[in-house]
Amino acid sequence: MTTTFSQSSTSRFTRPRSGRMIGGVCAGIADRFGMKHGTVRLLFLLSCLLPGPQFLIYLALWLFMPDRGY
């Protein structure tokens, strides 16, 4: 028995050129996991209320996630 899983629109973390607000990190994560961009942005903002390195992770992803090119 073979099971196939549908992949999202991209198979890697990339930052899109359209739909980005600041760096495109949340939009890239949303595209990768098939979520809405606004949902991921809201989750990020809510996570900023908790202690932790959220801004540093965002900056690191902004630097190391490649642009998608489209």
PDB file of N, CA and C in Angstrom:
ATOM      1  N   MET A   1       0.846  -1.172   0.000  1.00  0.00           N
ATOM      2  CA  MET A   1       0.000   0.000   0.000  1.00  0.00           C
ATOM      3  C   MET A   1       0.892   1.235   0.000  1.00  0.00           C
ATOM      4  N   THR A   2       0.674   2.114  -0.933  1.00  0.00           N
ATOM      5  CA  THR A   2       1.470   3.318  -1.072  1.00  0.00           C
ATOM      6  C   THR A   2       0.611   4.535  -0.757  1.00  0.00           C
ATOM      7  N   THR A   3       1.148   5.394   0.074  1.00  0.00           N
ATOM      8  CA  THR A   3       0.453   6.623   0.440  1.00  0.00           C
ATOM      9  C   THR A   3       1.244   7.795  -0.096  1.00  0.00           C
ATOM     10  N   THR A   4       0.563   8.693  -0.778  1.00  0.00           N
ATOM     11  CA  THR A   4       1.227   9.893  -1.270  1.00  0.00           C
ATOM     12  C   THR A   4       0.687  11.094  -0.519  1.00  0.00           C
ATOM     13  N   PHE A   5       1.566  11.968  -0.187  1.00  0.00           N
ATOM     14  CA  PHE A   5       1.200  13.190   0.519  1.00  0.00           C
ATOM     15  C   PHE A   5       1.332  14.345  -0.450  1.00  0.00           C
ATOM     16  N   SER A   6       0.377  15.244  -0.424  1.00  0.00           N
ATOM     17  CA  SER A   6       0.470  16.420  -1.288  1.00  0.00           C
ATOM     18  C   SER A   6       1.422  17.424  -0.654  1.00  0.00           C
ATOM     19  N   GLN A   7       2.284  17.991  -1.477  1.00  0.00           N
ATOM     20  CA  GLN A   7       3.229  18.983  -0.998  1.00  0.00           C
ATOM     21  C   GLN A   7       2.632  20.356  -1.172  1.00  0.00           C
ATOM     22  N   SER A   8       3.088  21.282  -0.351  1.00  0.00           N
ATOM     23  CA  SER A   8       2.631  22.661  -0.498  1.00  0.00           C
ATOM     24  C   SER A   8       3.253  23.261  -1.750  1.00  0.00           C
ATOM     25  N   SER A   9       3.002  24.544  -1.965  1.00  0.00           N
ATOM     26  CA  SER A   9       3.447  25.189  -3.198  1.00  0.00           C
ATOM     27  C   SER A   9       4.969  25.201  -3.331  1.00  0.00           C
ATOM     28  N   THR A  10       5.685  25.219  -2.225  1.00  0.00           N
ATOM     29  CA  THR A  10       7.141  25.173  -2.292  1.00  0.00           C
ATOM     30  C   THR A  10       7.635  24.070  -1.382  1.00  0.00           C
ATOM     31  N   SER A  11       8.750  23.480  -1.720  1.00  0.00           N
ATOM     32  CA  SER A  11       9.293  22.420  -0.884  1.00  0.00           C
ATOM     33  C   SER A  11      10.411  22.926   0.018  1.00  0.00           C
ATOM     34  N   ARG A  12      10.767  24.209  -0.115  1.00  0.00           N
ATOM     35  CA  ARG A  12      11.808  24.809   0.716  1.00  0.00           C
ATOM     36  C   ARG A  12      11.298  26.096   1.325  1.00  0.00           C
ATOM     37  N   PHE A  13      12.027  26.561   2.318  1.00  0.00           N
ATOM     38  CA  PHE A  13      11.718  27.872   2.878  1.00  0.00           C
ATOM     39  C   PHE A  13      12.328  28.928   1.975  1.00  0.00           C
ATOM     40  N   THR A  14      11.487  29.721   1.348  1.00  0.00           N
ATOM     41  CA  THR A  14      11.943  30.842   0.531  1.00  0.00           C
ATOM     42  C   THR A  14      11.053  32.034   0.824  1.00  0.00           C
ATOM     43  N   ARG A  15      11.589  33.219   0.610  1.00  0.00           N
ATOM     44  CA  ARG A  15      10.836  34.449   0.836  1.00  0.00           C
ATOM     45  C   ARG A  15      10.250  34.925  -0.487  1.00  0.00           C
ATOM     46  N   PRO A  16       8.921  35.038  -0.588  1.00  0.00           N
ATOM     47  CA  PRO A  16       8.327  35.491  -1.851  1.00  0.00           C
ATOM     48  C   PRO A  16       8.529  36.986  -2.063  1.00  0.00           C
ATOM     49  N   ARG A  17       8.469  37.411  -3.300  1.00  0.00           N
ATOM     50  CA  ARG A  17       8.584  38.838  -3.601  1.00  0.00           C
ATOM     51  C   ARG A  17       7.246  39.540  -3.426  1.00  0.00           C
ATOM     52  N   SER A  18       6.151  38.828  -3.598  1.00  0.00           N
ATOM     53  CA  SER A  18       4.829  39.435  -3.403  1.00  0.00           C
ATOM     54  C   SER A  18       4.235  38.915  -2.106  1.00  0.00           C
ATOM     55  N   GLY A  19       3.481  39.756  -1.433  1.00  0.00           N
ATOM     56  CA  GLY A  19       2.834  39.339  -0.196  1.00  0.00           C
ATOM     57  C   GLY A  19       3.667  39.535   1.050  1.00  0.00           C
ATOM     58  N   ARG A  20       4.832  40.136   0.921  1.00  0.00           N
ATOM     59  CA  ARG A  20       5.667  40.350   2.102  1.00  0.00           C
ATOM     60  C   ARG A  20       5.367  41.693   2.726  1.00  0.00           C
ATOM     61  N   MET A  21       5.517  41.759   4.045  1.00  0.00           N
ATOM     62  CA  MET A  21       5.297  43.027   4.746  1.00  0.00           C
ATOM     63  C   MET A  21       6.641  43.675   5.068  1.00  0.00           C
ATOM     64  N   ILE A  22       7.511  42.970   5.761  1.00  0.00           N
ATOM     65  CA  ILE A  22       8.819  43.528   6.112  1.00  0.00           C
ATOM     66  C   ILE A  22       9.895  42.762   5.341  1.00  0.00           C
ATOM     67  N   GLY A  23      10.147  41.527   5.748  1.00  0.00           N
ATOM     68  CA  GLY A  23      11.192  40.761   5.101  1.00  0.00           C
ATOM     69  C   GLY A  23      10.679  39.562   4.325  1.00  0.00           C
ATOM     70  N   GLY A  24       9.411  39.233   4.478  1.00  0.00           N
ATOM     71  CA  GLY A  24       8.851  38.091   3.777  1.00  0.00           C
ATOM     72  C   GLY A  24       9.007  36.775   4.505  1.00  0.00           C
ATOM     73  N   VAL A  25       9.506  36.807   5.732  1.00  0.00           N
ATOM     74  CA  VAL A  25       9.740  35.573   6.482  1.00  0.00           C
ATOM     75  C   VAL A  25       8.415  34.896   6.817  1.00  0.00           C
ATOM     76  N   CYS A  26       7.467  35.638   7.358  1.00  0.00           N
ATOM     77  CA  CYS A  26       6.175  35.045   7.716  1.00  0.00           C
ATOM     78  C   CYS A  26       5.436  34.547   6.476  1.00  0.00           C
ATOM     79  N   ALA A  27       5.520  35.291   5.375  1.00  0.00           N
ATOM     80  CA  ALA A  27       4.887  34.860   4.130  1.00  0.00           C
ATOM     81  C   ALA A  27       5.526  33.578   3.611  1.00  0.00           C
ATOM     82  N   GLY A  28       6.839  33.465   3.727  1.00  0.00           N
ATOM     83  CA  GLY A  28       7.525  32.250   3.291  1.00  0.00           C
ATOM     84  C   GLY A  28       7.160  31.045   4.135  1.00  0.00           C
ATOM     85  N   ILE A  29       7.057  31.240   5.444  1.00  0.00           N
ATOM     86  CA  ILE A  29       6.651  30.150   6.332  1.00  0.00           C
ATOM     87  C   ILE A  29       5.217  29.746   6.038  1.00  0.00           C
ATOM     88  N   ALA A  30       4.348  30.725   5.815  1.00  0.00           N
ATOM     89  CA  ALA A  30       2.947  30.432   5.509  1.00  0.00           C
ATOM     90  C   ALA A  30       2.823  29.660   4.201  1.00  0.00           C
ATOM     91  N   ASP A  31       3.565  30.061   3.173  1.00  0.00           N
ATOM     92  CA  ASP A  31       3.523  29.354   1.897  1.00  0.00           C
ATOM     93  C   ASP A  31       4.042  27.927   2.038  1.00  0.00           C
ATOM     94  N   ARG A  32       5.088  27.753   2.819  1.00  0.00           N
ATOM     95  CA  ARG A  32       5.698  26.427   2.994  1.00  0.00           C
ATOM     96  C   ARG A  32       4.732  25.441   3.643  1.00  0.00           C
ATOM     97  N   PHE A  33       3.943  25.923   4.620  1.00  0.00           N
ATOM     98  CA  PHE A  33       3.047  25.034   5.344  1.00  0.00           C
ATOM     99  C   PHE A  33       1.588  25.158   4.912  1.00  0.00           C
ATOM    100  N   GLY A  34       1.316  25.921   3.845  1.00  0.00           N
ATOM    101  CA  GLY A  34      -0.028  26.030   3.315  1.00  0.00           C
ATOM    102  C   GLY A  34      -0.983  26.786   4.217  1.00  0.00           C
ATOM    103  N   MET A  35      -0.491  27.807   4.896  1.00  0.00           N
ATOM    104  CA  MET A  35      -1.313  28.612   5.792  1.00  0.00           C
ATOM    105  C   MET A  35      -1.519  29.992   5.188  1.00  0.00           C
ATOM    106  N   LYS A  36      -2.408  30.768   5.794  1.00  0.00           N
ATOM    107  CA  LYS A  36      -2.605  32.147   5.364  1.00  0.00           C
ATOM    108  C   LYS A  36      -1.505  33.019   5.956  1.00  0.00           C
ATOM    109  N   HIS A  37      -1.090  34.010   5.194  1.00  0.00           N
ATOM    110  CA  HIS A  37      -0.013  34.897   5.636  1.00  0.00           C
ATOM    111  C   HIS A  37      -0.390  35.623   6.918  1.00  0.00           C
ATOM    112  N   GLY A  38      -1.619  36.097   6.996  1.00  0.00           N
ATOM    113  CA  GLY A  38      -2.069  36.837   8.173  1.00  0.00           C
ATOM    114  C   GLY A  38      -2.066  35.995   9.435  1.00  0.00           C
ATOM    115  N   THR A  39      -2.357  34.711   9.303  1.00  0.00           N
ATOM    116  CA  THR A  39      -2.353  33.819  10.461  1.00  0.00           C
ATOM    117  C   THR A  39      -0.954  33.672  11.032  1.00  0.00           C
ATOM    118  N   VAL A  40       0.025  33.496  10.159  1.00  0.00           N
ATOM    119  CA  VAL A  40       1.407  33.346  10.623  1.00  0.00           C
ATOM    120  C   VAL A  40       1.905  34.652  11.226  1.00  0.00           C
ATOM    121  N   ARG A  41       1.532  35.776  10.642  1.00  0.00           N
ATOM    122  CA  ARG A  41       1.934  37.072  11.196  1.00  0.00           C
ATOM    123  C   ARG A  41       1.333  37.282  12.580  1.00  0.00           C
ATOM    124  N   LEU A  42       0.066  36.917  12.735  1.00  0.00           N
ATOM    125  CA  LEU A  42      -0.591  37.053  14.037  1.00  0.00           C
ATOM    126  C   LEU A  42       0.060  36.144  15.074  1.00  0.00           C
ATOM    127  N   LEU A  43       0.386  34.909  14.685  1.00  0.00           N
ATOM    128  CA  LEU A  43       1.063  33.998  15.615  1.00  0.00           C
ATOM    129  C   LEU A  43       2.429  34.544  16.021  1.00  0.00           C
ATOM    130  N   PHE A  44       3.139  35.146  15.078  1.00  0.00           N
ATOM    131  CA  PHE A  44       4.437  35.733  15.415  1.00  0.00           C
ATOM    132  C   PHE A  44       4.266  36.884  16.399  1.00  0.00           C
ATOM    133  N   LEU A  45       3.303  37.753  16.142  1.00  0.00           N
ATOM    134  CA  LEU A  45       3.084  38.885  17.048  1.00  0.00           C
ATOM    135  C   LEU A  45       2.677  38.415  18.437  1.00  0.00           C
ATOM    136  N   LEU A  46       1.834  37.398  18.516  1.00  0.00           N
ATOM    137  CA  LEU A  46       1.446  36.854  19.820  1.00  0.00           C
ATOM    138  C   LEU A  46       2.636  36.198  20.521  1.00  0.00           C
ATOM    139  N   SER A  47       3.507  35.568  19.750  1.00  0.00           N
ATOM    140  CA  SER A  47       4.683  34.935  20.370  1.00  0.00           C
ATOM    141  C   SER A  47       5.632  35.971  20.945  1.00  0.00           C
ATOM    142  N   CYS A  48       5.577  37.205  20.433  1.00  0.00           N
ATOM    143  CA  CYS A  48       6.442  38.265  20.958  1.00  0.00           C
ATOM    144  C   CYS A  48       6.037  38.683  22.366  1.00  0.00           C
ATOM    145  N   LEU A  49       4.846  38.321  22.793  1.00  0.00           N
ATOM    146  CA  LEU A  49       4.423  38.602  24.161  1.00  0.00           C
ATOM    147  C   LEU A  49       5.097  37.670  25.161  1.00  0.00           C
ATOM    148  N   LEU A  50       5.606  36.558  24.682  1.00  0.00           N
ATOM    149  CA  LEU A  50       6.300  35.589  25.529  1.00  0.00           C
ATOM    150  C   LEU A  50       7.795  35.893  25.534  1.00  0.00           C
ATOM    151  N   PRO A  51       8.472  35.542  26.607  1.00  0.00           N
ATOM    152  CA  PRO A  51       9.930  35.743  26.606  1.00  0.00           C
ATOM    153  C   PRO A  51      10.604  34.764  25.649  1.00  0.00           C
ATOM    154  N   GLY A  52      11.623  35.234  24.988  1.00  0.00           N
ATOM    155  CA  GLY A  52      12.345  34.366  24.068  1.00  0.00           C
ATOM    156  C   GLY A  52      13.005  35.152  22.954  1.00  0.00           C
ATOM    157  N   PRO A  53      13.724  34.457  22.104  1.00  0.00           N
ATOM    158  CA  PRO A  53      14.515  35.115  21.048  1.00  0.00           C
ATOM    159  C   PRO A  53      13.768  35.247  19.717  1.00  0.00           C
ATOM    160  N   GLN A  54      12.491  35.614  19.737  1.00  0.00           N
ATOM    161  CA  GLN A  54      11.705  35.651  18.505  1.00  0.00           C
ATOM    162  C   GLN A  54      12.279  36.611  17.471  1.00  0.00           C
ATOM    163  N   PHE A  55      12.687  37.805  17.904  1.00  0.00           N
ATOM    164  CA  PHE A  55      13.211  38.783  16.959  1.00  0.00           C
ATOM    165  C   PHE A  55      14.540  38.322  16.366  1.00  0.00           C
ATOM    166  N   LEU A  56      15.365  37.683  17.170  1.00  0.00           N
ATOM    167  CA  LEU A  56      16.636  37.180  16.646  1.00  0.00           C
ATOM    168  C   LEU A  56      16.418  36.066  15.631  1.00  0.00           C
ATOM    169  N   ILE A  57      15.447  35.208  15.889  1.00  0.00           N
ATOM    170  CA  ILE A  57      15.127  34.134  14.938  1.00  0.00           C
ATOM    171  C   ILE A  57      14.597  34.736  13.644  1.00  0.00           C
ATOM    172  N   TYR A  58      13.715  35.742  13.749  1.00  0.00           N
ATOM    173  CA  TYR A  58      13.185  36.411  12.557  1.00  0.00           C
ATOM    174  C   TYR A  58      14.323  37.025  11.748  1.00  0.00           C
ATOM    175  N   LEU A  59      15.233  37.727  12.420  1.00  0.00           N
ATOM    176  CA  LEU A  59      16.353  38.347  11.711  1.00  0.00           C
ATOM    177  C   LEU A  59      17.253  37.304  11.047  1.00  0.00           C
ATOM    178  N   ALA A  60      17.503  36.198  11.742  1.00  0.00           N
ATOM    179  CA  ALA A  60      18.331  35.137  11.166  1.00  0.00           C
ATOM    180  C   ALA A  60      17.651  34.531   9.942  1.00  0.00           C
ATOM    181  N   LEU A  61      16.346  34.295  10.026  1.00  0.00           N
ATOM    182  CA  LEU A  61      15.632  33.758   8.872  1.00  0.00           C
ATOM    183  C   LEU A  61      15.626  34.752   7.723  1.00  0.00           C
ATOM    184  N   TRP A  62      15.513  36.040   8.029  1.00  0.00           N
ATOM    185  CA  TRP A  62      15.537  37.073   6.996  1.00  0.00           C
ATOM    186  C   TRP A  62      16.882  37.046   6.260  1.00  0.00           C
ATOM    187  N   LEU A  63      17.950  36.819   7.006  1.00  0.00           N
ATOM    188  CA  LEU A  63      19.270  36.789   6.386  1.00  0.00           C
ATOM    189  C   LEU A  63      19.536  35.509   5.610  1.00  0.00           C
ATOM    190  N   PHE A  64      19.068  34.377   6.112  1.00  0.00           N
ATOM    191  CA  PHE A  64      19.453  33.086   5.526  1.00  0.00           C
ATOM    192  C   PHE A  64      18.415  32.446   4.618  1.00  0.00           C
ATOM    193  N   MET A  65      17.153  32.910   4.634  1.00  0.00           N
ATOM    194  CA  MET A  65      16.155  32.381   3.702  1.00  0.00           C
ATOM    195  C   MET A  65      16.359  33.059   2.340  1.00  0.00           C
ATOM    196  N   PRO A  66      16.524  32.284   1.293  1.00  0.00           N
ATOM    197  CA  PRO A  66      16.733  32.914  -0.028  1.00  0.00           C
ATOM    198  C   PRO A  66      15.432  33.492  -0.581  1.00  0.00           C
ATOM    199  N   ASP A  67      15.577  34.500  -1.451  1.00  0.00           N
ATOM    200  CA  ASP A  67      14.423  35.033  -2.172  1.00  0.00           C
ATOM    201  C   ASP A  67      13.940  33.986  -3.160  1.00  0.00           C
ATOM    202  N   ARG A  68      12.629  33.938  -3.340  1.00  0.00           N
ATOM    203  CA  ARG A  68      12.045  32.978  -4.271  1.00  0.00           C
ATOM    204  C   ARG A  68      12.272  33.402  -5.696  1.00  0.00           C
ATOM    205  N   GLY A  69      12.259  34.684  -5.973  1.00  0.00           N
ATOM    206  CA  GLY A  69      12.482  35.149  -7.325  1.00  0.00           C
ATOM    207  C   GLY A  69      11.205  35.429  -8.098  1.00  0.00           C
ATOM    208  N   TYR A  70      10.077  35.051  -7.536  1.00  0.00           N
ATOM    209  CA  TYR A  70       8.788  35.372  -8.176  1.00  0.00           C
ATOM    210  C   TYR A  70       7.775  35.694  -7.129  1.00  0.00           C
TER     211      TYR A  70
END
